[in-house]
N, C-alpha and C. Protein backbone atom coordinates (compact mmCIF):
# COMPACT_ATOMS: atom_id res chain seq x y z
N MET A 1 101.80 84.87 -53.34
CA MET A 1 102.61 84.18 -52.36
C MET A 1 102.62 85.04 -51.10
N SER A 2 102.28 84.46 -50.01
CA SER A 2 102.23 85.19 -48.76
C SER A 2 103.51 85.00 -47.96
N GLU A 3 103.65 85.79 -46.90
CA GLU A 3 104.80 85.66 -46.01
C GLU A 3 104.84 84.28 -45.36
N GLN A 4 103.69 83.64 -45.25
CA GLN A 4 103.61 82.35 -44.57
C GLN A 4 103.92 81.17 -45.50
N TRP A 5 104.03 81.42 -46.81
CA TRP A 5 104.25 80.33 -47.75
C TRP A 5 105.57 79.62 -47.48
N VAL A 6 106.65 80.39 -47.33
CA VAL A 6 107.98 79.79 -47.15
C VAL A 6 108.05 78.92 -45.91
N PRO A 7 107.67 79.42 -44.72
CA PRO A 7 107.76 78.55 -43.53
C PRO A 7 106.92 77.27 -43.67
N ALA A 8 105.82 77.35 -44.39
CA ALA A 8 104.96 76.17 -44.55
C ALA A 8 105.60 75.12 -45.46
N GLN A 9 106.52 75.53 -46.33
CA GLN A 9 107.13 74.61 -47.30
C GLN A 9 108.42 73.97 -46.80
N ILE A 10 109.00 74.50 -45.74
CA ILE A 10 110.30 74.02 -45.28
C ILE A 10 110.22 72.61 -44.72
N LYS A 11 111.12 71.77 -45.22
CA LYS A 11 111.22 70.37 -44.79
C LYS A 11 112.63 70.12 -44.28
N LEU A 12 112.78 69.13 -43.45
CA LEU A 12 114.10 68.75 -42.96
C LEU A 12 114.69 67.70 -43.90
N LYS A 13 115.86 67.99 -44.46
CA LYS A 13 116.55 67.08 -45.37
C LYS A 13 117.95 66.88 -44.82
N GLY A 14 118.17 65.75 -44.18
CA GLY A 14 119.44 65.54 -43.48
C GLY A 14 119.52 66.48 -42.30
N ASP A 15 120.57 67.29 -42.26
CA ASP A 15 120.73 68.29 -41.20
C ASP A 15 120.25 69.67 -41.63
N ASN A 16 119.79 69.79 -42.85
CA ASN A 16 119.42 71.10 -43.41
C ASN A 16 117.91 71.27 -43.50
N ARG A 17 117.50 72.50 -43.28
CA ARG A 17 116.10 72.86 -43.50
C ARG A 17 116.02 73.42 -44.92
N CYS A 18 115.20 72.78 -45.76
CA CYS A 18 115.18 73.10 -47.18
C CYS A 18 113.75 73.19 -47.70
N ILE A 19 113.64 73.81 -48.89
CA ILE A 19 112.37 73.87 -49.61
C ILE A 19 112.51 72.94 -50.81
N PRO A 20 111.60 71.99 -50.99
CA PRO A 20 111.69 71.08 -52.14
C PRO A 20 111.51 71.83 -53.47
N TRP A 21 112.27 71.45 -54.48
CA TRP A 21 112.17 72.05 -55.80
C TRP A 21 110.77 71.93 -56.36
N LYS A 22 110.10 70.81 -56.12
CA LYS A 22 108.75 70.61 -56.65
C LYS A 22 107.80 71.71 -56.18
N ASN A 23 107.91 72.12 -54.94
CA ASN A 23 107.05 73.18 -54.41
C ASN A 23 107.35 74.52 -55.10
N LEU A 24 108.62 74.79 -55.35
CA LEU A 24 108.99 76.02 -56.05
C LEU A 24 108.51 75.98 -57.50
N LYS A 25 108.64 74.83 -58.14
CA LYS A 25 108.18 74.68 -59.53
C LYS A 25 106.67 74.91 -59.62
N ASP A 26 105.93 74.35 -58.69
CA ASP A 26 104.47 74.55 -58.67
C ASP A 26 104.13 76.02 -58.48
N LEU A 27 104.89 76.71 -57.64
CA LEU A 27 104.65 78.14 -57.42
C LEU A 27 104.94 78.94 -58.68
N ILE A 28 106.03 78.62 -59.37
CA ILE A 28 106.38 79.31 -60.61
C ILE A 28 105.26 79.14 -61.64
N LEU A 29 104.76 77.94 -61.78
CA LEU A 29 103.72 77.68 -62.78
C LEU A 29 102.39 78.34 -62.44
N ALA A 30 102.11 78.53 -61.16
CA ALA A 30 100.81 79.06 -60.75
C ALA A 30 100.81 80.57 -60.53
N TYR A 31 101.97 81.19 -60.36
CA TYR A 31 102.02 82.61 -59.98
C TYR A 31 101.71 83.50 -61.17
N PRO A 32 100.84 84.50 -61.03
CA PRO A 32 100.44 85.34 -62.16
C PRO A 32 101.46 86.41 -62.56
N ASP A 33 102.24 86.93 -61.64
CA ASP A 33 103.18 88.02 -61.91
C ASP A 33 104.46 87.48 -62.56
N VAL A 34 104.74 87.92 -63.80
CA VAL A 34 105.88 87.39 -64.56
C VAL A 34 107.21 87.74 -63.88
N LYS A 35 107.35 88.96 -63.35
CA LYS A 35 108.60 89.34 -62.69
C LYS A 35 108.86 88.45 -61.48
N LYS A 36 107.82 88.16 -60.71
CA LYS A 36 107.99 87.28 -59.55
C LYS A 36 108.33 85.86 -59.99
N LYS A 37 107.75 85.42 -61.10
CA LYS A 37 108.09 84.08 -61.63
C LYS A 37 109.58 83.99 -61.93
N VAL A 38 110.10 85.03 -62.58
CA VAL A 38 111.53 85.05 -62.92
C VAL A 38 112.37 85.07 -61.65
N ASP A 39 111.96 85.87 -60.66
CA ASP A 39 112.70 85.92 -59.39
C ASP A 39 112.72 84.56 -58.70
N ILE A 40 111.59 83.90 -58.67
CA ILE A 40 111.50 82.58 -58.02
C ILE A 40 112.32 81.56 -58.79
N PHE A 41 112.29 81.65 -60.13
CA PHE A 41 113.09 80.74 -60.94
C PHE A 41 114.59 80.96 -60.70
N ALA A 42 115.01 82.24 -60.66
CA ALA A 42 116.42 82.55 -60.39
C ALA A 42 116.83 82.04 -59.02
N PHE A 43 115.97 82.24 -58.05
CA PHE A 43 116.21 81.74 -56.69
C PHE A 43 116.38 80.22 -56.71
N SER A 44 115.54 79.55 -57.47
CA SER A 44 115.59 78.08 -57.54
C SER A 44 116.89 77.60 -58.18
N ILE A 45 117.25 78.20 -59.31
CA ILE A 45 118.48 77.81 -60.00
C ILE A 45 119.68 78.06 -59.10
N TYR A 46 119.69 79.22 -58.49
CA TYR A 46 120.78 79.59 -57.60
C TYR A 46 120.92 78.58 -56.47
N GLY A 47 119.81 78.22 -55.85
CA GLY A 47 119.85 77.29 -54.72
C GLY A 47 120.13 75.85 -55.11
N LEU A 48 119.64 75.43 -56.28
CA LEU A 48 119.80 74.04 -56.70
C LEU A 48 121.13 73.74 -57.37
N VAL A 49 121.57 74.65 -58.24
CA VAL A 49 122.72 74.36 -59.08
C VAL A 49 124.03 74.93 -58.53
N VAL A 50 123.99 76.18 -58.12
CA VAL A 50 125.23 76.85 -57.76
C VAL A 50 125.77 76.40 -56.40
N PHE A 51 124.92 76.38 -55.38
CA PHE A 51 125.35 75.95 -54.05
C PHE A 51 124.35 74.96 -53.47
N PRO A 52 124.33 73.75 -54.00
CA PRO A 52 123.35 72.77 -53.49
C PRO A 52 123.76 72.23 -52.12
N LYS A 53 122.79 72.05 -51.26
CA LYS A 53 123.03 71.41 -49.96
C LYS A 53 122.44 70.01 -49.97
N ALA A 54 121.25 69.87 -50.55
CA ALA A 54 120.58 68.58 -50.63
C ALA A 54 119.96 68.47 -52.02
N LEU A 55 120.12 67.33 -52.65
CA LEU A 55 119.64 67.13 -54.01
C LEU A 55 118.14 67.40 -54.11
N GLY A 56 117.75 68.29 -55.04
CA GLY A 56 116.35 68.59 -55.27
C GLY A 56 115.73 69.51 -54.25
N HIS A 57 116.55 70.17 -53.43
CA HIS A 57 116.05 71.07 -52.39
C HIS A 57 116.89 72.35 -52.37
N VAL A 58 116.24 73.46 -51.98
CA VAL A 58 116.92 74.74 -51.83
C VAL A 58 117.04 75.04 -50.34
N ASP A 59 118.25 75.34 -49.89
CA ASP A 59 118.52 75.60 -48.48
C ASP A 59 117.74 76.82 -48.00
N GLU A 60 117.24 76.74 -46.78
CA GLU A 60 116.46 77.83 -46.17
C GLU A 60 117.26 79.12 -46.08
N VAL A 61 118.56 79.04 -45.92
CA VAL A 61 119.41 80.22 -45.78
C VAL A 61 119.34 81.09 -47.04
N VAL A 62 119.16 80.49 -48.19
CA VAL A 62 119.07 81.24 -49.44
C VAL A 62 117.85 82.16 -49.41
N THR A 63 116.75 81.74 -48.78
CA THR A 63 115.57 82.60 -48.68
C THR A 63 115.87 83.84 -47.87
N ASP A 64 116.64 83.69 -46.80
CA ASP A 64 117.01 84.85 -45.97
C ASP A 64 117.85 85.83 -46.77
N LEU A 65 118.77 85.32 -47.57
CA LEU A 65 119.62 86.17 -48.39
C LEU A 65 118.79 86.97 -49.39
N PHE A 66 117.89 86.31 -50.10
CA PHE A 66 117.04 87.01 -51.07
C PHE A 66 116.17 88.05 -50.38
N ASP A 67 115.67 87.73 -49.19
CA ASP A 67 114.85 88.67 -48.43
C ASP A 67 115.65 89.91 -48.06
N GLN A 68 116.88 89.74 -47.62
CA GLN A 68 117.73 90.88 -47.25
C GLN A 68 118.06 91.74 -48.47
N LEU A 69 118.34 91.12 -49.60
CA LEU A 69 118.64 91.89 -50.81
C LEU A 69 117.42 92.66 -51.29
N ASP A 70 116.24 92.09 -51.11
CA ASP A 70 115.01 92.78 -51.48
C ASP A 70 114.80 94.02 -50.62
N LYS A 71 115.29 94.00 -49.40
CA LYS A 71 115.17 95.14 -48.48
C LYS A 71 116.32 96.13 -48.66
N ARG A 72 117.17 95.90 -49.65
CA ARG A 72 118.32 96.76 -49.96
C ARG A 72 119.37 96.79 -48.85
N VAL A 73 119.51 95.70 -48.14
CA VAL A 73 120.56 95.58 -47.12
C VAL A 73 121.82 95.09 -47.83
N THR A 74 122.92 95.77 -47.62
CA THR A 74 124.15 95.38 -48.29
C THR A 74 124.82 94.20 -47.58
N PRO A 75 125.09 93.14 -48.33
CA PRO A 75 125.71 91.96 -47.71
C PRO A 75 127.24 91.95 -47.82
N ILE A 76 127.85 93.05 -48.26
CA ILE A 76 129.29 93.06 -48.52
C ILE A 76 130.14 92.67 -47.30
N PRO A 77 129.92 93.24 -46.10
CA PRO A 77 130.75 92.82 -44.96
C PRO A 77 130.63 91.32 -44.66
N VAL A 78 129.43 90.80 -44.77
CA VAL A 78 129.23 89.37 -44.51
C VAL A 78 129.92 88.53 -45.58
N ILE A 79 129.84 88.98 -46.82
CA ILE A 79 130.49 88.27 -47.92
C ILE A 79 132.00 88.16 -47.68
N LEU A 80 132.61 89.28 -47.34
CA LEU A 80 134.05 89.27 -47.09
C LEU A 80 134.41 88.38 -45.91
N ALA A 81 133.64 88.48 -44.83
CA ALA A 81 133.91 87.67 -43.64
C ALA A 81 133.79 86.18 -43.95
N GLU A 82 132.73 85.79 -44.65
CA GLU A 82 132.53 84.38 -44.98
C GLU A 82 133.61 83.86 -45.92
N THR A 83 134.02 84.69 -46.88
CA THR A 83 135.05 84.27 -47.81
C THR A 83 136.38 84.05 -47.09
N PHE A 84 136.77 85.01 -46.26
CA PHE A 84 138.03 84.86 -45.51
C PHE A 84 137.96 83.70 -44.53
N LYS A 85 136.81 83.50 -43.91
CA LYS A 85 136.65 82.39 -42.96
C LYS A 85 136.84 81.05 -43.68
N SER A 86 136.21 80.91 -44.84
CA SER A 86 136.31 79.67 -45.59
C SER A 86 137.73 79.43 -46.10
N LEU A 87 138.39 80.49 -46.57
CA LEU A 87 139.77 80.35 -47.03
C LEU A 87 140.70 79.99 -45.88
N ASN A 88 140.45 80.56 -44.71
CA ASN A 88 141.27 80.27 -43.53
C ASN A 88 141.12 78.81 -43.11
N VAL A 89 139.91 78.30 -43.14
CA VAL A 89 139.67 76.90 -42.80
C VAL A 89 140.39 75.98 -43.79
N CYS A 90 140.35 76.32 -45.06
CA CYS A 90 141.04 75.52 -46.08
C CYS A 90 142.54 75.50 -45.83
N GLN A 91 143.10 76.65 -45.49
CA GLN A 91 144.54 76.73 -45.27
C GLN A 91 144.95 75.93 -44.04
N ARG A 92 144.15 76.00 -42.96
CA ARG A 92 144.48 75.27 -41.75
C ARG A 92 144.35 73.77 -41.94
N ALA A 93 143.35 73.36 -42.70
CA ALA A 93 143.10 71.93 -42.90
C ALA A 93 144.13 71.30 -43.84
N GLY A 94 144.80 72.12 -44.61
CA GLY A 94 145.80 71.60 -45.54
C GLY A 94 145.19 71.17 -46.85
N GLU A 95 144.19 70.36 -46.80
CA GLU A 95 143.54 69.91 -48.03
C GLU A 95 142.04 70.18 -47.98
N GLY A 96 141.66 71.18 -47.21
CA GLY A 96 140.25 71.53 -47.09
C GLY A 96 139.67 72.03 -48.40
N ARG A 97 138.38 72.01 -48.49
CA ARG A 97 137.68 72.43 -49.70
C ARG A 97 137.14 73.83 -49.49
N PHE A 98 137.41 74.74 -50.41
CA PHE A 98 136.88 76.09 -50.33
C PHE A 98 135.40 76.06 -50.65
N ILE A 99 134.61 76.56 -49.75
CA ILE A 99 133.17 76.63 -49.98
C ILE A 99 132.86 78.04 -50.44
N GLY A 100 132.50 78.18 -51.70
CA GLY A 100 132.21 79.49 -52.25
C GLY A 100 131.11 80.20 -51.48
N CYS A 101 131.24 81.48 -51.41
CA CYS A 101 130.27 82.27 -50.65
C CYS A 101 129.03 82.53 -51.51
N ALA A 102 127.91 82.03 -51.08
CA ALA A 102 126.66 82.17 -51.83
C ALA A 102 126.29 83.64 -52.01
N GLN A 103 126.52 84.45 -51.00
CA GLN A 103 126.18 85.86 -51.08
C GLN A 103 127.01 86.57 -52.14
N LEU A 104 128.28 86.20 -52.24
CA LEU A 104 129.16 86.80 -53.24
C LEU A 104 128.65 86.52 -54.64
N LEU A 105 128.24 85.31 -54.89
CA LEU A 105 127.72 84.95 -56.20
C LEU A 105 126.45 85.74 -56.52
N LEU A 106 125.59 85.92 -55.55
CA LEU A 106 124.35 86.65 -55.80
C LEU A 106 124.63 88.12 -56.12
N VAL A 107 125.56 88.73 -55.41
CA VAL A 107 125.92 90.12 -55.70
C VAL A 107 126.47 90.22 -57.12
N TRP A 108 127.32 89.28 -57.52
CA TRP A 108 127.83 89.27 -58.88
C TRP A 108 126.69 89.12 -59.88
N PHE A 109 125.76 88.22 -59.60
CA PHE A 109 124.64 87.98 -60.49
C PHE A 109 123.81 89.25 -60.69
N HIS A 110 123.50 89.94 -59.59
CA HIS A 110 122.69 91.16 -59.69
C HIS A 110 123.43 92.28 -60.40
N SER A 111 124.75 92.32 -60.30
CA SER A 111 125.49 93.39 -60.95
C SER A 111 125.69 93.14 -62.44
N HIS A 112 125.50 91.90 -62.89
CA HIS A 112 125.72 91.57 -64.30
C HIS A 112 124.45 91.34 -65.10
N PHE A 113 123.31 91.22 -64.45
CA PHE A 113 122.07 90.94 -65.19
C PHE A 113 120.97 91.89 -64.82
């Protein structure tokens, strides 16, 4: 998988730029490195099930998060800021919906597995 693979796969789904699950599945089946297969599968599950934006698609933002974690950049300040921002919006709206922080879930996932 090259650096150019991700930008070539991105499609517009509603207002979101996403990667179709089918493209990720094809990559998992064709990729020779088992560790990379597991990483791509985890990325897919994370994007599809935990914080879905569009049915059958993984949001482009999730790719940026995985890239930053691979470079050992700590996302903790961003996680806290996003969590407090979302909680604040919920409180102001009165009946707003808390949008879980995707970065927080990934940090938990990496610390437990």
